[in-house]
Amino acid sequence: MSGAEQGSWETVIGLEIHAQLATKSKIFSGSPTAYGAEPNTQADLVDLGYPGVLPVLNAEAVRMAVKFGLAIDAQVTRRSVFARKNYFYPDLPKGYQISQYELPIVAKGFLDVMQEDGTVRRVGITRAHLEEDAGKSVHEGHAGVSAIDLNRAGTPLIEIVSEPDMRSAKEAVAYMKKVHTLVRYLGICDGNMQEGSFRCDANVSVRRKGADKLGTRAELKNLNSFRFVEKAINHEVERQIEILENGGKVVQETRLYDSDKDETRSMRSKEEANDYRYFPDPDLLPVVLDEVFIEGLRARLPELPDQKAARFQQQHGLTAYDAQLLTASREMAAFYEDVVAAVPTDAKLAANWVMGDYSAFLNRDGLEVAQSRLTAAQLGGLLARIVDDTISGKMAKEVFEVMWADGSDADAVIEARGLKQITDSGAIEKVIDEVIAANPKQLADYRSGKDKLFGFFVGQTMKATGGKANPALLNDLLKKKLTP
């Protein structure tokens, strides 16, 4: 599809994010929620929908939902109601899902999301409601049939529904990452996308630029990685534009993204709310919250990502973009502050190394901060040797690689490899004099106006000192020596 064709259309995206709450038991029963158990060993009679059993609300799930509402400046509903969402599917043994509909526990909040270009987009959050998860249909290893694992049935979820405020797949991913960061800071969800505890559905439509009316949307189901969210949305946008450009009509439906084929395909026509025949669950009382309960949770909220980023800017002199990167996870932010404690005079140097070499090595080896091969104190010790001119930045990279490989401290590596920087001006001057004497033609050319030859003399001097000359001192001395 040509850029001109896409350029005349506007993409409209809203996300429905499902975050599995980190409670030890399910939302309406005492069954455990631990991941990875043998199929159907963590579901009791309530989860299985046996006649006569009654659900009992997990108070911890309510606390977690309220914490999320407070963190997004939302209205925490003083009286919320659970409803039955009726549909028939093999992994839903009761024939209905307990959710919230007309009166959710959280309503009307927002998140400010920084984009790659540094601009900020405010994304409205329509609602966040509590509900139970369904079971899981298993197809692998069961030729010709589907198996059902009900371990996940009844696991508490908070479904976070955004306004259709995003205009590109990249914006949608940035918003999803921000929500992912927030729920992990709050400690209400582990954010593990591989295990399905953080996933989303994307509502995607297109309309002519300048149009007020929204286009017909398709819902992309169960996207469980940031990369797949971006690819699925981009594919769906192209599909819809192509249909409309050819005079067709987009059908409102639910679609599945196939990551192997990089395509979306139709699952079923999109249901409306009345298809689910919502009505208040007669077995559950309304959830009534008082101000003491809400304000008590507000007082115990941790420092949130935006607050931490603002503090990093003010306290450590970082740019807004760097502060956002360093606070993208609670663990990385804590690691950075521990590194700064070792080099308090150069917080920017610490930021550059944590975002640069340190993060690059974590990514290369597929590690999280908790699995890091270096402690913050070790990295801080390395940076302290740069600050006190023991080694140069270039030498530090060599030292860092050795430290990462065997867990050594910086001082031990520097000593063992003889990597101390030469900061004796007399010793450096002597080498410079020798280099100049050995290269009279280059000296004459430099003095006749060929300024680029300065780099030649720097390189020759560095070579002669085994790369150990202090770069700043070398440059100053060389400028004086080369000036006639």
Protein backbone atom coordinates (compact mmCIF):
# COMPACT_ATOMS: atom_id res chain seq x y z
CA MET A 1 0.00 0.00 0.00
CA SER A 2 1.35 3.41 -0.94
CA GLY A 3 2.17 6.08 1.64
CA ALA A 4 -0.28 8.41 -0.11
CA GLU A 5 -3.13 5.97 0.47
CA GLN A 6 -2.30 5.56 4.16
CA GLY A 7 -1.75 9.29 4.51
CA SER A 8 -5.41 10.06 3.81
CA TRP A 9 -6.63 7.82 6.63
CA GLU A 10 -6.49 8.17 10.40
CA THR A 11 -6.06 5.18 12.69
CA VAL A 12 -8.09 5.03 15.91
CA ILE A 13 -7.08 2.56 18.63
CA GLY A 14 -8.38 1.67 22.07
CA LEU A 15 -6.94 -1.08 24.27
CA GLU A 16 -8.56 -3.41 26.77
CA ILE A 17 -5.75 -4.62 29.02
CA HIS A 18 -6.25 -7.63 31.29
CA ALA A 19 -3.91 -7.63 34.29
CA GLN A 20 -3.96 -10.73 36.49
CA LEU A 21 -3.93 -9.57 40.10
CA ALA A 22 -1.14 -10.93 42.28
CA THR A 23 -3.37 -12.40 44.97
CA LYS A 24 -2.54 -15.76 46.49
CA SER A 25 -6.09 -17.07 46.03
CA LYS A 26 -8.83 -16.60 43.46
CA ILE A 27 -11.33 -13.78 43.39
CA PHE A 28 -14.33 -15.81 44.65
CA SER A 29 -12.76 -18.95 46.10
CA GLY A 30 -9.83 -20.11 48.19
CA SER A 31 -8.10 -21.96 45.33
CA PRO A 32 -4.45 -21.02 44.73
CA THR A 33 -3.41 -18.91 41.73
CA ALA A 34 0.19 -20.15 41.28
CA TYR A 35 1.22 -20.63 37.65
CA GLY A 36 2.37 -23.96 36.23
CA ALA A 37 0.48 -26.52 38.29
CA GLU A 38 -0.79 -29.77 36.77
CA PRO A 39 -4.03 -29.20 34.81
CA ASN A 40 -7.22 -28.99 36.86
CA THR A 41 -5.50 -29.27 40.25
CA GLN A 42 -6.17 -25.66 41.33
CA ALA A 43 -9.92 -25.41 40.80
CA ASP A 44 -12.47 -26.07 43.54
CA LEU A 45 -16.25 -26.46 43.41
CA VAL A 46 -16.79 -22.69 43.13
CA ASP A 47 -14.41 -22.42 40.17
CA LEU A 48 -16.01 -25.45 38.52
CA GLY A 49 -19.51 -23.96 38.79
CA TYR A 50 -21.10 -26.71 40.87
CA PRO A 51 -24.75 -26.09 41.84
CA GLY A 52 -25.36 -24.60 45.26
CA VAL A 53 -21.89 -23.13 45.85
CA LEU A 54 -21.58 -19.43 46.68
CA PRO A 55 -18.80 -17.00 45.73
CA VAL A 56 -17.01 -15.00 48.44
CA LEU A 57 -15.20 -11.84 47.33
CA ASN A 58 -11.42 -11.66 47.87
CA ALA A 59 -10.80 -8.38 49.74
CA GLU A 60 -7.20 -8.19 48.51
CA ALA A 61 -8.41 -8.00 44.89
CA VAL A 62 -10.55 -5.00 45.87
CA ARG A 63 -7.56 -3.29 47.51
CA MET A 64 -5.44 -3.82 44.40
CA ALA A 65 -8.11 -2.40 42.10
CA VAL A 66 -8.49 0.69 44.29
CA LYS A 67 -4.72 1.23 44.30
CA PHE A 68 -4.75 1.21 40.51
CA GLY A 69 -7.62 3.70 40.44
CA LEU A 70 -5.79 6.08 42.76
CA ALA A 71 -2.61 5.80 40.68
CA ILE A 72 -4.38 6.97 37.48
CA ASP A 73 -6.26 9.87 39.15
CA ALA A 74 -9.54 8.07 38.53
CA GLN A 75 -12.87 8.09 40.28
CA VAL A 76 -12.90 5.21 42.75
CA THR A 77 -16.53 4.14 42.84
CA ARG A 78 -17.95 4.13 46.36
CA ARG A 79 -20.56 1.53 45.38
CA SER A 80 -19.72 -0.98 42.63
CA VAL A 81 -21.70 -4.02 41.53
CA PHE A 82 -20.76 -7.44 40.16
CA ALA A 83 -22.74 -8.70 37.18
CA ARG A 84 -23.11 -11.95 35.29
CA LYS A 85 -21.85 -11.87 31.70
CA ASN A 86 -23.59 -14.78 30.00
CA TYR A 87 -21.98 -16.75 27.20
CA PHE A 88 -21.26 -20.38 26.43
CA TYR A 89 -17.74 -21.60 25.84
CA PRO A 90 -16.03 -24.86 26.89
CA ASP A 91 -13.63 -23.12 29.32
CA LEU A 92 -16.49 -21.35 31.19
CA PRO A 93 -18.10 -24.06 33.32
CA LYS A 94 -20.79 -21.84 34.91
CA GLY A 95 -22.07 -20.58 31.56
CA TYR A 96 -21.39 -17.03 32.73
CA GLN A 97 -18.45 -14.91 33.87
CA ILE A 98 -18.67 -12.74 36.97
CA SER A 99 -17.58 -9.25 35.95
CA GLN A 100 -18.61 -5.63 36.46
CA TYR A 101 -20.63 -3.69 33.94
CA GLU A 102 -22.70 -0.60 34.75
CA LEU A 103 -20.98 0.20 38.05
CA PRO A 104 -17.24 -0.67 37.84
CA ILE A 105 -14.91 -0.12 40.77
CA VAL A 106 -12.78 2.45 38.84
CA ALA A 107 -14.00 5.04 36.34
CA LYS A 108 -12.61 8.00 34.35
CA GLY A 109 -8.85 8.16 34.82
CA PHE A 110 -5.91 8.84 32.53
CA LEU A 111 -2.23 8.20 31.88
CA ASP A 112 0.28 10.59 30.32
CA VAL A 113 2.45 8.60 27.94
CA MET A 114 5.77 9.79 26.52
CA GLN A 115 6.31 8.91 22.86
CA GLU A 116 9.61 8.09 21.12
CA ASP A 117 9.93 11.70 19.91
CA GLY A 118 9.64 13.04 23.46
CA THR A 119 6.07 14.34 23.10
CA VAL A 120 3.43 13.33 25.63
CA ARG A 121 -0.03 11.98 24.77
CA ARG A 122 -2.74 11.80 27.40
CA VAL A 123 -4.74 8.58 27.10
CA GLY A 124 -8.09 8.51 28.84
CA ILE A 125 -9.07 5.41 30.79
CA THR A 126 -12.82 4.81 30.60
CA ARG A 127 -12.98 2.24 33.37
CA ALA A 128 -11.13 -0.49 35.20
CA HIS A 129 -13.28 -3.29 36.53
CA LEU A 130 -12.79 -6.49 38.48
CA GLU A 131 -13.67 -9.84 36.96
CA GLU A 132 -12.78 -13.51 37.08
CA ASP A 133 -10.69 -15.16 34.38
CA ALA A 134 -11.97 -18.11 32.36
CA GLY A 135 -10.23 -21.45 32.02
CA LYS A 136 -7.99 -22.35 29.11
CA SER A 137 -8.58 -24.48 26.01
CA VAL A 138 -5.53 -26.59 25.18
CA HIS A 139 -5.04 -27.86 21.62
CA GLU A 140 -1.41 -28.97 21.51
CA GLY A 141 -0.90 -32.69 22.02
CA HIS A 142 -4.61 -33.47 21.66
CA ALA A 143 -5.19 -34.45 18.03
CA GLY A 144 -8.72 -33.76 16.87
CA VAL A 145 -9.99 -32.57 20.26
CA SER A 146 -9.55 -29.67 22.67
CA ALA A 147 -8.63 -30.26 26.31
CA ILE A 148 -9.79 -27.92 29.07
CA ASP A 149 -7.59 -26.73 31.95
CA LEU A 150 -9.60 -24.90 34.61
CA ASN A 151 -6.67 -23.92 36.84
CA ARG A 152 -7.00 -20.32 35.63
CA ALA A 153 -10.79 -20.18 36.10
CA GLY A 154 -11.63 -17.66 38.81
CA THR A 155 -8.22 -15.97 38.82
CA PRO A 156 -8.78 -12.28 39.62
CA LEU A 157 -8.34 -9.79 36.79
CA ILE A 158 -8.58 -6.07 36.46
CA GLU A 159 -9.66 -5.09 32.95
CA ILE A 160 -8.39 -1.63 32.03
CA VAL A 161 -10.38 -0.08 29.18
CA SER A 162 -8.91 2.96 27.43
CA GLU A 163 -10.64 5.64 25.42
CA PRO A 164 -9.97 5.42 21.64
CA ASP A 165 -7.22 8.04 22.04
CA MET A 166 -4.29 6.38 20.28
CA ARG A 167 -3.47 7.09 16.64
CA SER A 168 -0.72 4.59 15.80
CA ALA A 169 0.52 1.17 16.77
CA LYS A 170 3.59 2.76 18.38
CA GLU A 171 1.38 4.97 20.56
CA ALA A 172 -0.63 1.92 21.60
CA VAL A 173 2.54 0.03 22.56
CA ALA A 174 3.85 3.04 24.52
CA TYR A 175 0.57 3.20 26.46
CA MET A 176 0.57 -0.54 27.10
CA LYS A 177 4.15 -0.36 28.39
CA LYS A 178 3.16 2.49 30.70
CA VAL A 179 0.32 0.43 32.18
CA HIS A 180 2.69 -2.53 32.47
CA THR A 181 5.17 -0.38 34.38
CA LEU A 182 2.46 1.01 36.66
CA VAL A 183 0.91 -2.30 37.74
CA ARG A 184 4.37 -3.64 38.55
CA TYR A 185 5.27 -0.54 40.59
CA LEU A 186 2.04 -0.95 42.52
CA GLY A 187 2.80 -4.63 43.11
CA ILE A 188 -0.66 -5.67 41.90
CA CYS A 189 0.46 -7.73 38.87
CA ASP A 190 3.74 -9.44 38.00
CA GLY A 191 3.35 -8.38 34.35
CA ASN A 192 4.54 -11.75 33.03
CA MET A 193 3.28 -11.75 29.45
CA GLN A 194 4.61 -15.22 28.62
CA GLU A 195 2.44 -16.69 31.39
CA GLY A 196 -0.57 -14.64 30.27
CA SER A 197 -0.82 -12.50 33.40
CA PHE A 198 -0.68 -9.31 31.29
CA ARG A 199 -2.38 -9.31 27.90
CA CYS A 200 -4.61 -7.09 25.83
CA ASP A 201 -7.31 -6.85 23.18
CA ALA A 202 -7.00 -4.01 20.68
CA ASN A 203 -9.98 -2.24 19.12
CA VAL A 204 -8.82 -0.89 15.76
CA SER A 205 -10.64 1.23 13.19
CA VAL A 206 -9.74 3.74 10.47
CA ARG A 207 -11.49 6.85 9.18
CA ARG A 208 -10.81 9.56 6.63
CA LYS A 209 -8.64 12.31 8.06
CA GLY A 210 -10.81 15.13 9.34
CA ALA A 211 -13.86 12.88 9.86
CA ASP A 212 -15.69 13.09 13.19
CA LYS A 213 -17.43 9.74 13.10
CA LEU A 214 -15.46 6.66 14.12
CA GLY A 215 -15.03 3.86 11.63
CA THR A 216 -16.23 0.29 12.14
CA ARG A 217 -13.83 -1.44 14.50
CA ALA A 218 -12.37 -4.90 14.69
CA GLU A 219 -11.23 -6.35 18.01
CA LEU A 220 -7.89 -8.17 18.00
CA LYS A 221 -7.90 -10.73 20.81
CA ASN A 222 -5.33 -11.95 23.32
CA LEU A 223 -2.16 -10.12 22.30
CA ASN A 224 0.53 -11.10 24.79
CA SER A 225 3.67 -9.27 23.67
CA PHE A 226 4.45 -5.65 22.84
CA ARG A 227 5.90 -6.72 19.49
CA PHE A 228 2.76 -8.64 18.54
CA VAL A 229 0.55 -5.71 19.55
CA GLU A 230 2.41 -3.42 17.14
CA LYS A 231 2.50 -5.95 14.30
CA ALA A 232 -1.15 -6.97 14.69
CA ILE A 233 -2.40 -3.38 14.71
CA ASN A 234 -0.31 -2.40 11.69
CA HIS A 235 -1.55 -5.43 9.76
CA GLU A 236 -5.17 -4.73 10.69
CA VAL A 237 -4.90 -1.06 9.68
CA GLU A 238 -3.57 -2.06 6.25
CA ARG A 239 -6.35 -4.64 5.88
CA GLN A 240 -9.10 -2.15 6.69
CA ILE A 241 -7.72 0.61 4.45
CA GLU A 242 -7.42 -1.81 1.56
CA ILE A 243 -11.06 -2.88 1.99
CA LEU A 244 -12.27 0.73 2.10
CA GLU A 245 -10.09 1.88 -0.80
CA ASN A 246 -11.62 -0.91 -2.90
CA GLY A 247 -15.16 0.21 -2.09
CA GLY A 248 -15.90 -2.44 0.51
CA LYS A 249 -17.14 -2.19 4.09
CA VAL A 250 -15.32 -3.22 7.25
CA VAL A 251 -17.32 -5.76 9.28
CA GLN A 252 -17.46 -5.38 13.06
CA GLU A 253 -15.94 -8.60 14.32
CA THR A 254 -13.45 -10.26 16.61
CA ARG A 255 -10.19 -11.26 14.93
CA LEU A 256 -7.21 -13.37 15.97
CA TYR A 257 -3.62 -12.40 15.20
CA ASP A 258 -1.49 -15.24 13.79
CA SER A 259 2.12 -14.33 14.60
CA ASP A 260 3.54 -17.11 12.42
CA LYS A 261 1.78 -15.81 9.29
CA ASP A 262 1.74 -12.14 10.41
CA GLU A 263 -1.95 -11.80 9.65
CA THR A 264 -5.28 -11.40 11.39
CA ARG A 265 -8.19 -13.72 10.69
CA SER A 266 -11.85 -13.65 11.61
CA MET A 267 -12.98 -15.50 14.75
CA ARG A 268 -16.60 -14.42 15.16
CA SER A 269 -18.92 -11.46 14.75
CA LYS A 270 -18.43 -8.88 17.47
CA GLU A 271 -20.93 -9.15 20.29
CA GLU A 272 -22.66 -6.14 21.80
CA ALA A 273 -23.36 -5.74 25.51
CA ASN A 274 -26.96 -6.90 25.14
CA ASP A 275 -25.72 -10.18 23.64
CA TYR A 276 -24.24 -11.02 27.04
CA ARG A 277 -27.50 -10.36 28.95
CA TYR A 278 -25.75 -8.64 31.85
CA PHE A 279 -27.61 -8.54 35.15
CA PRO A 280 -26.44 -8.05 38.78
CA ASP A 281 -25.12 -11.26 40.31
CA PRO A 282 -27.69 -12.29 42.94
CA ASP A 283 -25.04 -14.12 45.00
CA LEU A 284 -22.79 -11.08 45.56
CA LEU A 285 -23.57 -7.92 47.51
CA PRO A 286 -22.53 -4.51 46.13
CA VAL A 287 -18.99 -3.46 47.09
CA VAL A 288 -19.28 -0.38 49.32
CA LEU A 289 -16.09 1.56 50.11
CA ASP A 290 -15.70 4.34 52.64
CA GLU A 291 -13.26 7.26 52.67
CA VAL A 292 -11.16 5.80 55.49
CA PHE A 293 -10.50 2.67 53.42
CA ILE A 294 -9.64 4.62 50.26
CA GLU A 295 -7.48 7.24 51.93
CA GLY A 296 -5.65 4.55 53.87
CA LEU A 297 -4.64 2.93 50.57
CA ARG A 298 -3.70 6.31 49.08
CA ALA A 299 -1.33 6.94 52.00
CA ARG A 300 0.43 3.63 51.36
CA LEU A 301 0.98 4.06 47.62
CA PRO A 302 4.64 3.75 46.57
CA GLU A 303 6.45 6.47 44.64
CA LEU A 304 4.89 6.08 41.18
CA PRO A 305 6.79 6.11 37.85
CA ASP A 306 5.95 9.71 36.91
CA GLN A 307 6.78 10.94 40.41
CA LYS A 308 10.08 9.09 40.36
CA ALA A 309 10.93 10.41 36.88
CA ALA A 310 10.22 13.99 38.00
CA ARG A 311 12.46 13.49 41.04
CA PHE A 312 15.26 12.07 38.87
CA GLN A 313 15.09 15.18 36.67
CA GLN A 314 15.19 17.54 39.64
CA GLN A 315 17.62 15.62 41.86
CA HIS A 316 19.99 14.16 39.28
CA GLY A 317 19.70 16.69 36.45
CA LEU A 318 18.46 14.15 33.90
CA THR A 319 16.42 14.90 30.79
CA ALA A 320 12.75 13.93 30.79
CA TYR A 321 13.48 11.18 28.25
CA ASP A 322 16.35 9.66 30.27
CA ALA A 323 14.30 9.82 33.46
CA GLN A 324 11.43 7.97 31.75
CA LEU A 325 13.76 5.23 30.52
CA LEU A 326 15.35 4.74 33.93
CA THR A 327 12.00 4.53 35.71
CA ALA A 328 10.43 2.12 33.19
CA SER A 329 10.87 -0.60 35.80
CA ARG A 330 11.04 -0.30 39.56
CA GLU A 331 14.09 -2.57 39.64
CA MET A 332 16.04 -0.52 37.09
CA ALA A 333 15.26 2.72 38.92
CA ALA A 334 16.48 1.26 42.21
CA PHE A 335 19.63 -0.07 40.52
CA TYR A 336 20.36 3.37 39.06
CA GLU A 337 19.99 5.10 42.42
CA ASP A 338 22.36 2.59 44.02
CA VAL A 339 24.93 3.30 41.27
CA VAL A 340 24.55 7.05 41.84
CA ALA A 341 25.26 6.50 45.54
CA ALA A 342 28.75 5.29 44.52
CA VAL A 343 29.37 8.27 42.17
CA PRO A 344 27.24 11.09 43.61
CA THR A 345 29.18 13.74 41.72
CA ASP A 346 28.25 12.42 38.27
CA ALA A 347 24.66 11.20 38.10
CA LYS A 348 24.62 11.74 34.32
CA LEU A 349 27.60 9.40 33.86
CA ALA A 350 25.76 6.80 35.94
CA ALA A 351 22.63 7.24 33.79
CA ASN A 352 24.58 6.85 30.56
CA TRP A 353 26.18 3.61 31.72
CA VAL A 354 22.98 2.10 33.17
CA MET A 355 21.00 2.93 30.00
CA GLY A 356 23.93 2.07 27.73
CA ASP A 357 26.42 -0.75 28.32
CA TYR A 358 24.68 -2.22 31.35
CA SER A 359 21.24 -2.46 29.68
CA ALA A 360 22.81 -3.68 26.44
CA PHE A 361 24.50 -6.59 28.23
CA LEU A 362 21.28 -7.46 30.09
CA ASN A 363 19.41 -7.55 26.77
CA ARG A 364 22.15 -9.51 25.04
CA ASP A 365 22.02 -12.23 27.68
CA GLY A 366 18.24 -12.12 28.18
CA LEU A 367 18.52 -11.16 31.85
CA GLU A 368 16.40 -9.05 34.19
CA VAL A 369 17.99 -6.65 36.69
CA ALA A 370 17.42 -9.20 39.47
CA GLN A 371 19.55 -11.70 37.51
CA SER A 372 22.33 -9.21 36.74
CA ARG A 373 25.93 -10.45 36.80
CA LEU A 374 27.04 -7.17 38.39
CA THR A 375 25.78 -5.38 41.47
CA ALA A 376 25.09 -1.66 41.48
CA ALA A 377 28.04 -1.25 43.87
CA GLN A 378 30.36 -2.96 41.37
CA LEU A 379 29.23 -0.74 38.49
CA GLY A 380 29.50 2.29 40.76
CA GLY A 381 33.05 1.24 41.63
CA LEU A 382 33.96 1.15 37.94
CA LEU A 383 32.48 4.60 37.32
CA ALA A 384 34.34 5.97 40.33
CA ARG A 385 37.61 5.03 38.56
CA ILE A 386 36.51 7.06 35.53
CA VAL A 387 35.63 10.04 37.73
CA ASP A 388 39.01 10.01 39.51
CA ASP A 389 40.88 9.61 36.18
CA THR A 390 42.29 6.19 37.02
CA ILE A 391 40.94 4.92 33.68
CA SER A 392 39.40 6.50 30.59
CA GLY A 393 35.90 5.86 29.31
CA LYS A 394 37.33 3.61 26.60
CA MET A 395 39.32 1.60 29.13
CA ALA A 396 36.21 1.32 31.28
CA LYS A 397 34.40 -0.55 28.53
CA GLU A 398 37.20 -3.13 28.46
CA VAL A 399 37.09 -3.44 32.26
CA PHE A 400 33.29 -3.74 32.21
CA GLU A 401 33.39 -6.71 29.82
CA VAL A 402 35.77 -8.58 32.11
CA MET A 403 33.67 -7.72 35.18
CA TRP A 404 30.52 -8.95 33.46
CA ALA A 405 32.20 -12.19 32.40
CA ASP A 406 33.66 -13.21 35.77
CA GLY A 407 32.07 -10.97 38.41
CA SER A 408 35.33 -9.25 39.36
CA ASP A 409 35.50 -5.81 40.93
CA ALA A 410 36.83 -2.94 38.83
CA ASP A 411 39.98 -2.34 40.89
CA ALA A 412 41.03 -5.99 40.60
CA VAL A 413 40.63 -5.96 36.80
CA ILE A 414 42.46 -2.63 36.44
CA GLU A 415 45.36 -3.90 38.54
CA ALA A 416 45.57 -7.33 36.87
CA ARG A 417 45.57 -5.85 33.36
CA GLY A 418 47.71 -2.83 34.05
CA LEU A 419 45.06 -0.48 32.72
CA LYS A 420 45.78 2.59 34.82
CA GLN A 421 45.57 5.78 32.85
CA ILE A 422 48.68 7.94 32.38
CA THR A 423 47.96 11.33 33.96
CA ASP A 424 51.57 12.49 34.30
CA SER A 425 51.78 15.47 31.93
CA GLY A 426 55.54 15.16 31.68
CA ALA A 427 55.32 11.54 30.50
CA ILE A 428 52.66 12.39 27.94
CA GLU A 429 54.65 15.41 26.66
CA LYS A 430 57.67 13.20 26.11
CA VAL A 431 55.63 10.81 23.93
CA ILE A 432 54.09 13.72 22.01
CA ASP A 433 57.55 15.12 21.25
CA GLU A 434 58.62 11.73 19.90
CA VAL A 435 55.50 11.44 17.69
CA ILE A 436 55.95 14.97 16.30
CA ALA A 437 59.64 14.33 15.58
CA ALA A 438 58.75 11.13 13.71
CA ASN A 439 56.15 12.82 11.50
CA PRO A 440 57.59 16.11 10.14
CA LYS A 441 55.46 16.08 6.94
CA GLN A 442 52.21 15.70 8.86
CA LEU A 443 53.33 18.46 11.23
CA ALA A 444 53.98 20.82 8.32
CA ASP A 445 50.64 19.95 6.69
CA TYR A 446 48.77 20.52 9.96
CA ARG A 447 50.39 23.89 10.48
CA SER A 448 49.54 24.85 6.89
CA GLY A 449 45.82 24.44 7.66
CA LYS A 450 44.98 20.72 7.45
CA ASP A 451 43.24 20.64 10.85
CA LYS A 452 41.95 17.07 10.42
CA LEU A 453 45.49 15.82 10.99
CA PHE A 454 45.01 16.60 14.67
CA GLY A 455 43.23 13.24 14.93
CA PHE A 456 46.28 11.56 13.36
CA PHE A 457 48.56 12.89 16.11
CA VAL A 458 46.05 11.89 18.82
CA GLY A 459 45.92 8.36 17.39
CA GLN A 460 49.72 8.04 17.14
CA THR A 461 50.21 9.26 20.70
CA MET A 462 47.53 6.94 22.04
CA LYS A 463 49.11 4.06 20.16
CA ALA A 464 52.51 4.87 21.65
CA THR A 465 51.05 4.91 25.18
CA GLY A 466 49.08 1.70 24.69
CA GLY A 467 45.83 3.70 24.86
CA LYS A 468 46.56 4.74 28.44
CA ALA A 469 47.06 8.50 28.06
CA ASN A 470 44.36 10.63 29.66
CA PRO A 471 42.39 11.84 26.60
CA ALA A 472 41.56 15.33 27.90
CA LEU A 473 45.13 15.97 29.06
CA LEU A 474 46.53 14.57 25.82
CA ASN A 475 44.35 16.89 23.73
CA ASP A 476 45.35 19.98 25.71
CA LEU A 477 49.07 19.20 25.54
CA LEU A 478 48.93 18.27 21.87
CA LYS A 479 47.21 21.54 20.90
CA LYS A 480 49.98 23.50 22.60
CA LYS A 481 52.73 21.43 21.01
CA LEU A 482 51.30 21.63 17.49
CA THR A 483 50.70 25.36 17.60
CA PRO A 484 53.75 27.13 16.08
